[in-house]
Amino acid sequence: MSNRAYDERDQETARRRFGVAATARALTLAAGLALTGVAGAVAQESTPAAMGGECVAPEMAAMDTTAAAASPAASPTDDAALAGMPADEALAAEAIAAVENFTACFNAGDIAAGLSLTTPAYLMDLFGTDDVEELVTAIGMTEIPRTEILEIGNVMTYDDGRVSVEAEYMSGDYQYIRSNLFLVQSGDTLLVDDEDYLPATSDGDATIISYTIADDTAPLAFDQSMASPEFPVVILYGANNGAERHSVALLRLPDEAAGTPLAELPAEQVMGAEFIGTVNIDAGEREELVLVGLPVGSYLLVDLLVPDSAAELTITEPEPES
């Protein structure tokens, strides 16, 4: 699931985003950390209260993030080829405490501390840059969605030195995610190094709305209808037929913007859009964005790689029962 870094052209393209795509990029930067703040608990069971724990920044003098990034443990690895072993009780507690702290920092809005708990490789994979100062500025532009843990556990160790924690969680109010979060040791601290998304399952009746990214220049497009009645679970299922990785974000438009063509949307209405969720789709792959309790309204599905690539989605009132 993991591509380690965008190339220089990708990074330069990301810096040239304007209008809707620029706004969505900033929102996605903020949400991306919440997406990977998967473990908000101190034990195998989690409660909302555990999300609000105190954020503890690492002692920077003791940190060796350069070594962590260069070590075999933090190098790109084929996760599917790894055979994990259950962690012992002490290591499991340490790993869960580490991801609890990581989540607590972003839930508390302490962006710099949260970023200090990751490897440069992780930042490059998620954002296309490991410039912490740039990320703190970008992420600070908007409110960070909070993470609520639904299930957490299954802590594993691997021959390459990494540790993984499996979790199901909500990012913000609507996006449901299931993943393995991988950690590496740097000094006395476990750092977030990677996240491997797992097939998501969520309770409730669901509707699937598919869309396609035809190539790396064409706007994304829904395969059939751009409207759906309200369902307990809405799954946006995207196929990337391009040669590059695409980041896709869903935004909810203000009520007064409903029905307005994308090119005619005033900047203040774009800035007033509510971030709902995001997903990365590697070249040739398919991914799902699982949304729970998505309310009636008008939405934009934005491809952050392609300027002005956005498709409007409308969620309507539920169909009456026959």
C-alpha atoms as a PDB file:
ATOM      1  CA  MET A   1       0.000   0.000   0.000  1.00  0.00           C
ATOM      2  CA  SER A   2       2.915   2.327   0.610  1.00  0.00           C
ATOM      3  CA  ASN A   3       4.801   4.492  -1.897  1.00  0.00           C
ATOM      4  CA  ARG A   4       7.749   6.074  -0.129  1.00  0.00           C
ATOM      5  CA  ALA A   5       8.129   9.470  -1.775  1.00  0.00           C
ATOM      6  CA  TYR A   6       6.879  11.730  -4.465  1.00  0.00           C
ATOM      7  CA  ASP A   7       9.546  12.727  -6.971  1.00  0.00           C
ATOM      8  CA  GLU A   8      10.701  16.349  -7.310  1.00  0.00           C
ATOM      9  CA  ARG A   9       8.179  17.081 -10.055  1.00  0.00           C
ATOM     10  CA  ASP A  10       5.326  15.884  -7.828  1.00  0.00           C
ATOM     11  CA  GLN A  11       6.521  18.128  -5.012  1.00  0.00           C
ATOM     12  CA  GLU A  12       6.782  21.155  -7.295  1.00  0.00           C
ATOM     13  CA  THR A  13       3.319  20.439  -8.712  1.00  0.00           C
ATOM     14  CA  ALA A  14       1.876  20.298  -5.205  1.00  0.00           C
ATOM     15  CA  ARG A  15       3.336  23.728  -4.434  1.00  0.00           C
ATOM     16  CA  ARG A  16       1.617  25.256  -7.472  1.00  0.00           C
ATOM     17  CA  ARG A  17      -1.932  24.320  -6.462  1.00  0.00           C
ATOM     18  CA  PHE A  18      -4.435  27.185  -6.397  1.00  0.00           C
ATOM     19  CA  GLY A  19      -8.197  27.591  -5.912  1.00  0.00           C
ATOM     20  CA  VAL A  20     -10.151  24.543  -4.842  1.00  0.00           C
ATOM     21  CA  ALA A  21      -7.185  22.197  -5.094  1.00  0.00           C
ATOM     22  CA  ALA A  22      -5.008  24.414  -2.887  1.00  0.00           C
ATOM     23  CA  THR A  23      -7.691  24.614  -0.252  1.00  0.00           C
ATOM     24  CA  ALA A  24      -8.262  20.873  -0.331  1.00  0.00           C
ATOM     25  CA  ARG A  25      -4.512  20.279  -0.100  1.00  0.00           C
ATOM     26  CA  ALA A  26      -4.295  22.369   3.065  1.00  0.00           C
ATOM     27  CA  LEU A  27      -7.294  20.593   4.526  1.00  0.00           C
ATOM     28  CA  THR A  28      -5.841  17.224   3.606  1.00  0.00           C
ATOM     29  CA  LEU A  29      -2.512  18.097   5.189  1.00  0.00           C
ATOM     30  CA  ALA A  30      -4.383  18.734   8.405  1.00  0.00           C
ATOM     31  CA  ALA A  31      -6.483  15.621   8.134  1.00  0.00           C
ATOM     32  CA  GLY A  32      -3.684  13.333   7.031  1.00  0.00           C
ATOM     33  CA  LEU A  33      -2.208  13.279  10.484  1.00  0.00           C
ATOM     34  CA  ALA A  34      -5.585  12.554  12.007  1.00  0.00           C
ATOM     35  CA  LEU A  35      -5.968   9.720   9.521  1.00  0.00           C
ATOM     36  CA  THR A  36      -2.833   8.143  10.875  1.00  0.00           C
ATOM     37  CA  GLY A  37      -3.493   8.989  14.493  1.00  0.00           C
ATOM     38  CA  VAL A  38      -4.932   5.544  14.707  1.00  0.00           C
ATOM     39  CA  ALA A  39      -4.123   4.549  18.236  1.00  0.00           C
ATOM     40  CA  GLY A  40      -5.746   6.695  20.847  1.00  0.00           C
ATOM     41  CA  ALA A  41      -5.657   4.264  23.726  1.00  0.00           C
ATOM     42  CA  VAL A  42      -3.308   3.149  26.450  1.00  0.00           C
ATOM     43  CA  ALA A  43      -4.457  -0.454  26.464  1.00  0.00           C
ATOM     44  CA  GLN A  44      -6.074  -3.078  24.287  1.00  0.00           C
ATOM     45  CA  GLU A  45      -9.426  -1.432  24.951  1.00  0.00           C
ATOM     46  CA  SER A  46     -10.075   2.240  24.190  1.00  0.00           C
ATOM     47  CA  THR A  47     -12.446   4.912  25.394  1.00  0.00           C
ATOM     48  CA  PRO A  48     -13.022   8.461  24.141  1.00  0.00           C
ATOM     49  CA  ALA A  49     -11.411   9.717  27.344  1.00  0.00           C
ATOM     50  CA  ALA A  50      -8.150   8.072  26.318  1.00  0.00           C
ATOM     51  CA  MET A  51      -8.009  10.311  23.238  1.00  0.00           C
ATOM     52  CA  GLY A  52      -7.641  13.374  25.416  1.00  0.00           C
ATOM     53  CA  GLY A  53      -4.416  12.282  27.133  1.00  0.00           C
ATOM     54  CA  GLU A  54      -1.554  14.678  27.636  1.00  0.00           C
ATOM     55  CA  CYS A  55       0.764  15.162  24.658  1.00  0.00           C
ATOM     56  CA  VAL A  56       4.397  14.453  25.557  1.00  0.00           C
ATOM     57  CA  ALA A  57       6.980  15.700  23.054  1.00  0.00           C
ATOM     58  CA  PRO A  58      10.200  13.660  22.836  1.00  0.00           C
ATOM     59  CA  GLU A  59      13.527  14.973  24.092  1.00  0.00           C
ATOM     60  CA  MET A  60      14.926  16.288  20.825  1.00  0.00           C
ATOM     61  CA  ALA A  61      18.531  15.900  21.951  1.00  0.00           C
ATOM     62  CA  ALA A  62      17.916  12.194  22.416  1.00  0.00           C
ATOM     63  CA  MET A  63      16.201  11.760  19.069  1.00  0.00           C
ATOM     64  CA  ASP A  64      18.128  10.413  16.079  1.00  0.00           C
ATOM     65  CA  THR A  65      15.599  10.692  13.272  1.00  0.00           C
ATOM     66  CA  THR A  66      18.325  10.581  10.620  1.00  0.00           C
ATOM     67  CA  ALA A  67      19.419   7.193  11.887  1.00  0.00           C
ATOM     68  CA  ALA A  68      15.815   6.067  12.094  1.00  0.00           C
ATOM     69  CA  ALA A  69      15.191   7.063   8.499  1.00  0.00           C
ATOM     70  CA  ALA A  70      18.309   5.288   7.258  1.00  0.00           C
ATOM     71  CA  SER A  71      18.088   2.136   9.314  1.00  0.00           C
ATOM     72  CA  PRO A  72      16.765  -1.144   7.880  1.00  0.00           C
ATOM     73  CA  ALA A  73      13.830  -0.897  10.269  1.00  0.00           C
ATOM     74  CA  ALA A  74      12.683   2.340   8.680  1.00  0.00           C
ATOM     75  CA  SER A  75      13.469   1.455   5.084  1.00  0.00           C
ATOM     76  CA  PRO A  76      10.757   0.610   2.537  1.00  0.00           C
ATOM     77  CA  THR A  77       9.676  -2.961   3.124  1.00  0.00           C
ATOM     78  CA  ASP A  78       7.200  -5.266   1.430  1.00  0.00           C
ATOM     79  CA  ASP A  79       4.752  -5.580   4.315  1.00  0.00           C
ATOM     80  CA  ALA A  80       3.041  -8.558   2.682  1.00  0.00           C
ATOM     81  CA  ALA A  81       6.316 -10.513   2.816  1.00  0.00           C
ATOM     82  CA  LEU A  82       6.808  -9.937   6.533  1.00  0.00           C
ATOM     83  CA  ALA A  83       5.800 -12.624   8.994  1.00  0.00           C
ATOM     84  CA  GLY A  84       4.889 -10.907  12.225  1.00  0.00           C
ATOM     85  CA  MET A  85       4.992 -12.412  15.695  1.00  0.00           C
ATOM     86  CA  PRO A  86       2.797 -11.316  18.608  1.00  0.00           C
ATOM     87  CA  ALA A  87       4.558  -8.763  20.798  1.00  0.00           C
ATOM     88  CA  ASP A  88       5.153  -9.527  24.444  1.00  0.00           C
ATOM     89  CA  GLU A  89       3.074  -7.708  27.028  1.00  0.00           C
ATOM     90  CA  ALA A  90       5.671  -5.032  27.786  1.00  0.00           C
ATOM     91  CA  LEU A  91       6.353  -4.143  24.149  1.00  0.00           C
ATOM     92  CA  ALA A  92       2.648  -4.161  23.325  1.00  0.00           C
ATOM     93  CA  ALA A  93       2.003  -1.691  26.137  1.00  0.00           C
ATOM     94  CA  GLU A  94       4.893   0.502  24.960  1.00  0.00           C
ATOM     95  CA  ALA A  95       3.689   0.505  21.349  1.00  0.00           C
ATOM     96  CA  ILE A  96       0.125   1.357  22.298  1.00  0.00           C
ATOM     97  CA  ALA A  97       1.368   4.106  24.622  1.00  0.00           C
ATOM     98  CA  ALA A  98       3.460   5.514  21.759  1.00  0.00           C
ATOM     99  CA  VAL A  99       0.565   5.716  19.351  1.00  0.00           C
ATOM    100  CA  GLU A 100      -1.669   7.050  22.105  1.00  0.00           C
ATOM    101  CA  ASN A 101       0.785   9.892  22.585  1.00  0.00           C
ATOM    102  CA  PHE A 102       1.019  10.473  18.824  1.00  0.00           C
ATOM    103  CA  THR A 103      -2.756  10.759  18.618  1.00  0.00           C
ATOM    104  CA  ALA A 104      -2.997  12.897  21.748  1.00  0.00           C
ATOM    105  CA  CYS A 105      -0.611  15.461  20.275  1.00  0.00           C
ATOM    106  CA  PHE A 106      -2.714  15.997  17.164  1.00  0.00           C
ATOM    107  CA  ASN A 107      -5.999  15.830  19.055  1.00  0.00           C
ATOM    108  CA  ALA A 108      -4.559  18.576  21.282  1.00  0.00           C
ATOM    109  CA  GLY A 109      -3.471  20.632  18.263  1.00  0.00           C
ATOM    110  CA  ASP A 110       0.247  20.322  19.091  1.00  0.00           C
ATOM    111  CA  ILE A 111       1.353  19.845  15.506  1.00  0.00           C
ATOM    112  CA  ALA A 112       5.091  20.254  16.055  1.00  0.00           C
ATOM    113  CA  ALA A 113       5.122  17.636  18.802  1.00  0.00           C
ATOM    114  CA  GLY A 114       3.093  15.236  16.685  1.00  0.00           C
ATOM    115  CA  LEU A 115       5.443  15.600  13.736  1.00  0.00           C
ATOM    116  CA  SER A 116       8.429  14.981  16.014  1.00  0.00           C
ATOM    117  CA  LEU A 117       6.973  11.532  16.718  1.00  0.00           C
ATOM    118  CA  THR A 118       7.311  10.443  13.059  1.00  0.00           C
ATOM    119  CA  THR A 119      10.176   9.487  10.755  1.00  0.00           C
ATOM    120  CA  PRO A 120      11.170  11.630   7.753  1.00  0.00           C
ATOM    121  CA  ALA A 121      10.230   8.689   5.527  1.00  0.00           C
ATOM    122  CA  TYR A 122       6.700   8.747   6.936  1.00  0.00           C
ATOM    123  CA  LEU A 123       6.328  12.471   6.256  1.00  0.00           C
ATOM    124  CA  MET A 124       7.634  12.080   2.701  1.00  0.00           C
ATOM    125  CA  ASP A 125       5.184   9.265   2.038  1.00  0.00           C
ATOM    126  CA  LEU A 126       2.176  11.096   3.424  1.00  0.00           C
ATOM    127  CA  PHE A 127       2.871  14.680   2.359  1.00  0.00           C
ATOM    128  CA  GLY A 128       5.630  14.630  -0.263  1.00  0.00           C
ATOM    129  CA  THR A 129       7.916  16.652   2.012  1.00  0.00           C
ATOM    130  CA  ASP A 130       9.728  16.136   5.305  1.00  0.00           C
ATOM    131  CA  ASP A 131      10.075  19.894   5.915  1.00  0.00           C
ATOM    132  CA  VAL A 132       8.579  20.094   9.404  1.00  0.00           C
ATOM    133  CA  GLU A 133       8.374  23.895   9.428  1.00  0.00           C
ATOM    134  CA  GLU A 134       6.431  23.882   6.155  1.00  0.00           C
ATOM    135  CA  LEU A 135       4.085  21.197   7.449  1.00  0.00           C
ATOM    136  CA  VAL A 136       3.446  22.980  10.747  1.00  0.00           C
ATOM    137  CA  THR A 137       2.438  26.100   8.807  1.00  0.00           C
ATOM    138  CA  ALA A 138       0.224  24.228   6.340  1.00  0.00           C
ATOM    139  CA  ILE A 139      -1.480  22.010   8.894  1.00  0.00           C
ATOM    140  CA  GLY A 140      -2.008  24.982  11.182  1.00  0.00           C
ATOM    141  CA  MET A 141      -4.237  26.624   8.547  1.00  0.00           C
ATOM    142  CA  THR A 142      -7.256  24.626   9.633  1.00  0.00           C
ATOM    143  CA  GLU A 143      -8.716  22.600  12.458  1.00  0.00           C
ATOM    144  CA  ILE A 144      -7.414  19.043  12.687  1.00  0.00           C
ATOM    145  CA  PRO A 145     -10.114  16.344  12.724  1.00  0.00           C
ATOM    146  CA  ARG A 146     -10.103  14.379  15.965  1.00  0.00           C
ATOM    147  CA  THR A 147      -9.540  10.642  16.070  1.00  0.00           C
ATOM    148  CA  GLU A 148     -11.911   8.279  17.869  1.00  0.00           C
ATOM    149  CA  ILE A 149     -10.725   4.711  18.310  1.00  0.00           C
ATOM    150  CA  LEU A 150     -13.273   1.949  17.829  1.00  0.00           C
ATOM    151  CA  GLU A 151     -10.995  -1.094  18.248  1.00  0.00           C
ATOM    152  CA  ILE A 152      -7.253  -1.442  18.867  1.00  0.00           C
ATOM    153  CA  GLY A 153      -4.835  -4.289  19.517  1.00  0.00           C
ATOM    154  CA  ASN A 154      -3.029  -7.116  17.707  1.00  0.00           C
ATOM    155  CA  VAL A 155       0.453  -5.690  18.339  1.00  0.00           C
ATOM    156  CA  MET A 156       3.052  -7.534  16.233  1.00  0.00           C
ATOM    157  CA  THR A 157       6.841  -7.505  15.854  1.00  0.00           C
ATOM    158  CA  TYR A 158       8.878  -8.134  12.684  1.00  0.00           C
ATOM    159  CA  ASP A 159      12.378  -9.296  11.799  1.00  0.00           C
ATOM    160  CA  ASP A 160      13.189  -5.847  10.382  1.00  0.00           C
ATOM    161  CA  GLY A 161      12.713  -4.343  13.855  1.00  0.00           C
ATOM    162  CA  ARG A 162       9.357  -2.709  13.312  1.00  0.00           C
ATOM    163  CA  VAL A 163       6.281  -3.014  15.501  1.00  0.00           C
ATOM    164  CA  SER A 164       2.690  -2.763  14.228  1.00  0.00           C
ATOM    165  CA  VAL A 165      -0.591  -1.922  15.932  1.00  0.00           C
ATOM    166  CA  GLU A 166      -3.927  -2.719  14.274  1.00  0.00           C
ATOM    167  CA  ALA A 167      -6.809  -0.311  14.788  1.00  0.00           C
ATOM    168  CA  GLU A 168     -10.234   0.686  13.576  1.00  0.00           C
ATOM    169  CA  TYR A 169     -10.982   4.356  14.021  1.00  0.00           C
ATOM    170  CA  MET A 170     -13.008   7.365  12.955  1.00  0.00           C
ATOM    171  CA  SER A 171     -11.119  10.328  11.520  1.00  0.00           C
ATOM    172  CA  GLY A 172     -13.308  13.336  12.139  1.00  0.00           C
ATOM    173  CA  ASP A 173     -17.049  12.851  12.186  1.00  0.00           C
ATOM    174  CA  TYR A 174     -17.498  10.656   9.119  1.00  0.00           C
ATOM    175  CA  GLN A 175     -14.457   8.743   7.803  1.00  0.00           C
ATOM    176  CA  TYR A 176     -13.997   5.160   9.005  1.00  0.00           C
ATOM    177  CA  ILE A 177     -10.541   3.576   8.666  1.00  0.00           C
ATOM    178  CA  ARG A 178      -8.947   0.231   9.512  1.00  0.00           C
ATOM    179  CA  SER A 179      -5.175  -0.088   9.339  1.00  0.00           C
ATOM    180  CA  ASN A 180      -1.859  -1.298  10.714  1.00  0.00           C
ATOM    181  CA  LEU A 181       0.363   1.472  12.052  1.00  0.00           C
ATOM    182  CA  PHE A 182       4.092   0.627  11.901  1.00  0.00           C
ATOM    183  CA  LEU A 183       6.588   1.993  14.437  1.00  0.00           C
ATOM    184  CA  VAL A 184      10.404   2.049  14.551  1.00  0.00           C
ATOM    185  CA  GLN A 185      12.742   2.591  17.495  1.00  0.00           C
ATOM    186  CA  SER A 186      14.819   5.788  17.694  1.00  0.00           C
ATOM    187  CA  GLY A 187      16.686   6.045  20.972  1.00  0.00           C
ATOM    188  CA  ASP A 188      14.126   5.542  23.707  1.00  0.00           C
ATOM    189  CA  THR A 189      11.195   6.535  21.488  1.00  0.00           C
ATOM    190  CA  LEU A 190       9.009   4.593  19.059  1.00  0.00           C
ATOM    191  CA  LEU A 191       8.351   6.713  15.968  1.00  0.00           C
ATOM    192  CA  VAL A 192       5.525   6.378  13.451  1.00  0.00           C
ATOM    193  CA  ASP A 193       7.048   5.121  10.197  1.00  0.00           C
ATOM    194  CA  ASP A 194       4.235   3.826   7.997  1.00  0.00           C
ATOM    195  CA  GLU A 195       0.537   2.982   7.810  1.00  0.00           C
ATOM    196  CA  ASP A 196      -0.854   0.047   5.859  1.00  0.00           C
ATOM    197  CA  TYR A 197      -4.587   0.318   5.196  1.00  0.00           C
ATOM    198  CA  LEU A 198      -6.683  -2.814   5.566  1.00  0.00           C
ATOM    199  CA  PRO A 199     -10.036  -3.667   3.958  1.00  0.00           C
ATOM    200  CA  ALA A 200     -12.597  -1.658   5.867  1.00  0.00           C
ATOM    201  CA  THR A 201     -15.764  -3.075   7.321  1.00  0.00           C
ATOM    202  CA  SER A 202     -18.462  -0.984   8.939  1.00  0.00           C
ATOM    203  CA  ASP A 203     -21.885  -1.898  10.285  1.00  0.00           C
ATOM    204  CA  GLY A 204     -25.026  -0.659   8.546  1.00  0.00           C
ATOM    205  CA  ASP A 205     -26.640  -0.616   5.108  1.00  0.00           C
ATOM    206  CA  ALA A 206     -24.226   0.744   2.527  1.00  0.00           C
ATOM    207  CA  THR A 207     -24.251   2.232  -0.936  1.00  0.00           C
ATOM    208  CA  ILE A 208     -21.205   2.156  -3.220  1.00  0.00           C
ATOM    209  CA  ILE A 209     -20.490   5.104  -5.517  1.00  0.00           C
ATOM    210  CA  SER A 210     -17.626   4.440  -7.927  1.00  0.00           C
ATOM    211  CA  TYR A 211     -15.398   6.924  -9.715  1.00  0.00           C
ATOM    212  CA  THR A 212     -12.416   6.710 -12.055  1.00  0.00           C
ATOM    213  CA  ILE A 213      -9.187   8.630 -12.518  1.00  0.00           C
ATOM    214  CA  ALA A 214      -8.617   8.042 -16.230  1.00  0.00           C
ATOM    215  CA  ASP A 215      -5.028   9.319 -16.320  1.00  0.00           C
ATOM    216  CA  ASP A 216      -2.759  11.842 -14.634  1.00  0.00           C
ATOM    217  CA  THR A 217      -4.196  14.891 -16.401  1.00  0.00           C
ATOM    218  CA  ALA A 218      -7.947  14.300 -16.821  1.00  0.00           C
ATOM    219  CA  PRO A 219     -10.433  15.281 -14.094  1.00  0.00           C
ATOM    220  CA  LEU A 220     -11.808  12.405 -12.051  1.00  0.00           C
ATOM    221  CA  ALA A 221     -15.362  11.395 -12.914  1.00  0.00           C
ATOM    222  CA  PHE A 222     -18.121   9.373 -11.316  1.00  0.00           C
ATOM    223  CA  ASP A 223     -18.884   6.209 -13.252  1.00  0.00           C
ATOM    224  CA  GLN A 224     -22.651   6.599 -13.083  1.00  0.00           C
ATOM    225  CA  SER A 225     -24.779   8.839 -10.903  1.00  0.00           C
ATOM    226  CA  MET A 226     -23.448  11.878  -9.059  1.00  0.00           C
ATOM    227  CA  ALA A 227     -26.349  11.695  -6.598  1.00  0.00           C
ATOM    228  CA  SER A 228     -27.377   9.191  -3.963  1.00  0.00           C
ATOM    229  CA  PRO A 229     -30.012   9.047  -1.261  1.00  0.00           C
ATOM    230  CA  GLU A 230     -28.727   9.143   2.301  1.00  0.00           C
ATOM    231  CA  PHE A 231     -27.431   5.783   3.602  1.00  0.00           C
ATOM    232  CA  PRO A 232     -25.907   4.783   6.958  1.00  0.00           C
ATOM    233  CA  VAL A 233     -22.652   3.989   5.116  1.00  0.00           C
ATOM    234  CA  VAL A 234     -21.469   5.575   1.849  1.00  0.00           C
ATOM    235  CA  ILE A 235     -18.438   4.015   0.158  1.00  0.00           C
ATOM    236  CA  LEU A 236     -16.650   6.060  -2.509  1.00  0.00           C
ATOM    237  CA  TYR A 237     -14.732   3.466  -4.524  1.00  0.00           C
ATOM    238  CA  GLY A 238     -12.005   4.935  -6.715  1.00  0.00           C
ATOM    239  CA  ALA A 239      -9.927   3.401  -9.511  1.00  0.00           C
ATOM    240  CA  ASN A 240      -6.654   5.064 -10.488  1.00  0.00           C
ATOM    241  CA  ASN A 241      -5.762   4.268 -14.091  1.00  0.00           C
ATOM    242  CA  GLY A 242      -2.956   6.815 -14.128  1.00  0.00           C
ATOM    243  CA  ALA A 243       0.773   6.281 -13.741  1.00  0.00           C
ATOM    244  CA  GLU A 244       1.116   8.312 -10.541  1.00  0.00           C
ATOM    245  CA  ARG A 245      -0.311   8.269  -7.039  1.00  0.00           C
ATOM    246  CA  HIS A 246      -3.396  10.465  -6.574  1.00  0.00           C
ATOM    247  CA  SER A 247      -4.745  11.974  -3.353  1.00  0.00           C
ATOM    248  CA  VAL A 248      -8.513  12.445  -3.332  1.00  0.00           C
ATOM    249  CA  ALA A 249     -10.393  14.549  -0.779  1.00  0.00           C
ATOM    250  CA  LEU A 250     -14.115  14.948  -0.116  1.00  0.00           C
ATOM    251  CA  LEU A 251     -15.347  18.406   0.935  1.00  0.00           C
ATOM    252  CA  ARG A 252     -18.843  19.445   1.980  1.00  0.00           C
ATOM    253  CA  LEU A 253     -19.912  22.736   0.424  1.00  0.00           C
ATOM    254  CA  PRO A 254     -21.784  25.429   2.343  1.00  0.00           C
ATOM    255  CA  ASP A 255     -25.518  25.329   1.669  1.00  0.00           C
ATOM    256  CA  GLU A 256     -25.369  28.562  -0.349  1.00  0.00           C
ATOM    257  CA  ALA A 257     -22.837  27.000  -2.744  1.00  0.00           C
ATOM    258  CA  ALA A 258     -25.012  24.032  -3.715  1.00  0.00           C
ATOM    259  CA  GLY A 259     -25.495  23.768  -7.462  1.00  0.00           C
ATOM    260  CA  THR A 260     -22.887  26.403  -8.359  1.00  0.00           C
ATOM    261  CA  PRO A 261     -20.393  25.257 -11.028  1.00  0.00           C
ATOM    262  CA  LEU A 262     -16.939  24.690  -9.631  1.00  0.00           C
ATOM    263  CA  ALA A 263     -15.329  27.424 -11.729  1.00  0.00           C
ATOM    264  CA  GLU A 264     -17.836  29.973 -10.417  1.00  0.00           C
ATOM    265  CA  LEU A 265     -17.482  29.245  -6.710  1.00  0.00           C
ATOM    266  CA  PRO A 266     -16.323  32.316  -4.746  1.00  0.00           C
ATOM    267  CA  ALA A 267     -13.128  31.810  -2.790  1.00  0.00           C
ATOM    268  CA  GLU A 268     -14.888  32.372   0.534  1.00  0.00           C
ATOM    269  CA  GLN A 269     -17.288  29.508  -0.192  1.00  0.00           C
ATOM    270  CA  VAL A 270     -14.399  27.209  -1.058  1.00  0.00           C
ATOM    271  CA  MET A 271     -12.618  28.223   2.135  1.00  0.00           C
ATOM    272  CA  GLY A 272     -15.845  27.552   4.001  1.00  0.00           C
ATOM    273  CA  ALA A 273     -15.996  23.962   2.771  1.00  0.00           C
ATOM    274  CA  GLU A 274     -15.947  21.299   5.474  1.00  0.00           C
ATOM    275  CA  PHE A 275     -13.284  18.607   5.172  1.00  0.00           C
ATOM    276  CA  ILE A 276     -14.901  15.150   5.255  1.00  0.00           C
ATOM    277  CA  GLY A 277     -12.184  12.631   4.394  1.00  0.00           C
ATOM    278  CA  THR A 278      -9.304  11.710   2.122  1.00  0.00           C
ATOM    279  CA  VAL A 279      -7.672   8.684   0.511  1.00  0.00           C
ATOM    280  CA  ASN A 280      -4.464   8.023  -1.454  1.00  0.00           C
ATOM    281  CA  ILE A 281      -4.737   5.767  -4.505  1.00  0.00           C
ATOM    282  CA  ASP A 282      -1.533   4.343  -5.962  1.00  0.00           C
ATOM    283  CA  ALA A 283      -1.111   3.911  -9.712  1.00  0.00           C
ATOM    284  CA  GLY A 284      -3.186   1.035 -11.031  1.00  0.00           C
ATOM    285  CA  GLU A 285      -4.898   0.479  -7.685  1.00  0.00           C
ATOM    286  CA  ARG A 286      -8.404   0.837  -6.255  1.00  0.00           C
ATOM    287  CA  GLU A 287      -9.210   2.240  -2.823  1.00  0.00           C
ATOM    288  CA  GLU A 288     -12.324   2.962  -0.810  1.00  0.00           C
ATOM    289  CA  LEU A 289     -13.292   5.999   1.226  1.00  0.00           C
ATOM    290  CA  VAL A 290     -15.769   4.720   3.825  1.00  0.00           C
ATOM    291  CA  LEU A 291     -18.111   7.342   5.269  1.00  0.00           C
ATOM    292  CA  VAL A 292     -20.513   6.745   8.146  1.00  0.00           C
ATOM    293  CA  GLY A 293     -23.556   8.953   8.703  1.00  0.00           C
ATOM    294  CA  LEU A 294     -22.796  11.300   5.800  1.00  0.00           C
ATOM    295  CA  PRO A 295     -25.560  13.938   5.930  1.00  0.00           C
ATOM    296  CA  VAL A 296     -27.724  15.305   3.150  1.00  0.00           C
ATOM    297  CA  GLY A 297     -25.872  18.025   1.252  1.00  0.00           C
ATOM    298  CA  SER A 298     -23.610  18.981  -1.656  1.00  0.00           C
ATOM    299  CA  TYR A 299     -20.032  17.736  -1.791  1.00  0.00           C
ATOM    300  CA  LEU A 300     -16.926  18.064  -3.948  1.00  0.00           C
ATOM    301  CA  LEU A 301     -14.641  15.103  -4.640  1.00  0.00           C
ATOM    302  CA  VAL A 302     -11.268  16.695  -5.440  1.00  0.00           C
ATOM    303  CA  ASP A 303      -8.200  15.125  -7.077  1.00  0.00           C
ATOM    304  CA  LEU A 304      -5.237  16.979  -5.575  1.00  0.00           C
ATOM    305  CA  LEU A 305      -2.816  15.935  -8.323  1.00  0.00           C
ATOM    306  CA  VAL A 306      -4.819  17.463 -11.178  1.00  0.00           C
ATOM    307  CA  PRO A 307      -5.570  21.217 -11.082  1.00  0.00           C
ATOM    308  CA  ASP A 308      -9.297  22.025 -10.948  1.00  0.00           C
ATOM    309  CA  SER A 309     -10.228  18.339 -10.939  1.00  0.00           C
ATOM    310  CA  ALA A 310     -13.397  18.056  -8.885  1.00  0.00           C
ATOM    311  CA  ALA A 311     -16.747  16.335  -9.264  1.00  0.00           C
ATOM    312  CA  GLU A 312     -19.863  17.316  -7.369  1.00  0.00           C
ATOM    313  CA  LEU A 313     -21.705  14.691  -5.344  1.00  0.00           C
ATOM    314  CA  THR A 314     -25.187  15.221  -3.943  1.00  0.00           C
ATOM    315  CA  ILE A 315     -26.595  13.265  -1.010  1.00  0.00           C
ATOM    316  CA  THR A 316     -30.381  13.540  -1.013  1.00  0.00           C
ATOM    317  CA  GLU A 317     -33.092  12.702   1.489  1.00  0.00           C
ATOM    318  CA  PRO A 318     -33.613   8.951   2.001  1.00  0.00           C
ATOM    319  CA  GLU A 319     -36.043   7.275  -0.329  1.00  0.00           C
ATOM    320  CA  PRO A 320     -39.397   6.579   1.374  1.00  0.00           C
ATOM    321  CA  GLU A 321     -40.000   2.998   2.378  1.00  0.00           C
ATOM    322  CA  SER A 322     -42.488   1.213   0.140  1.00  0.00           C
END
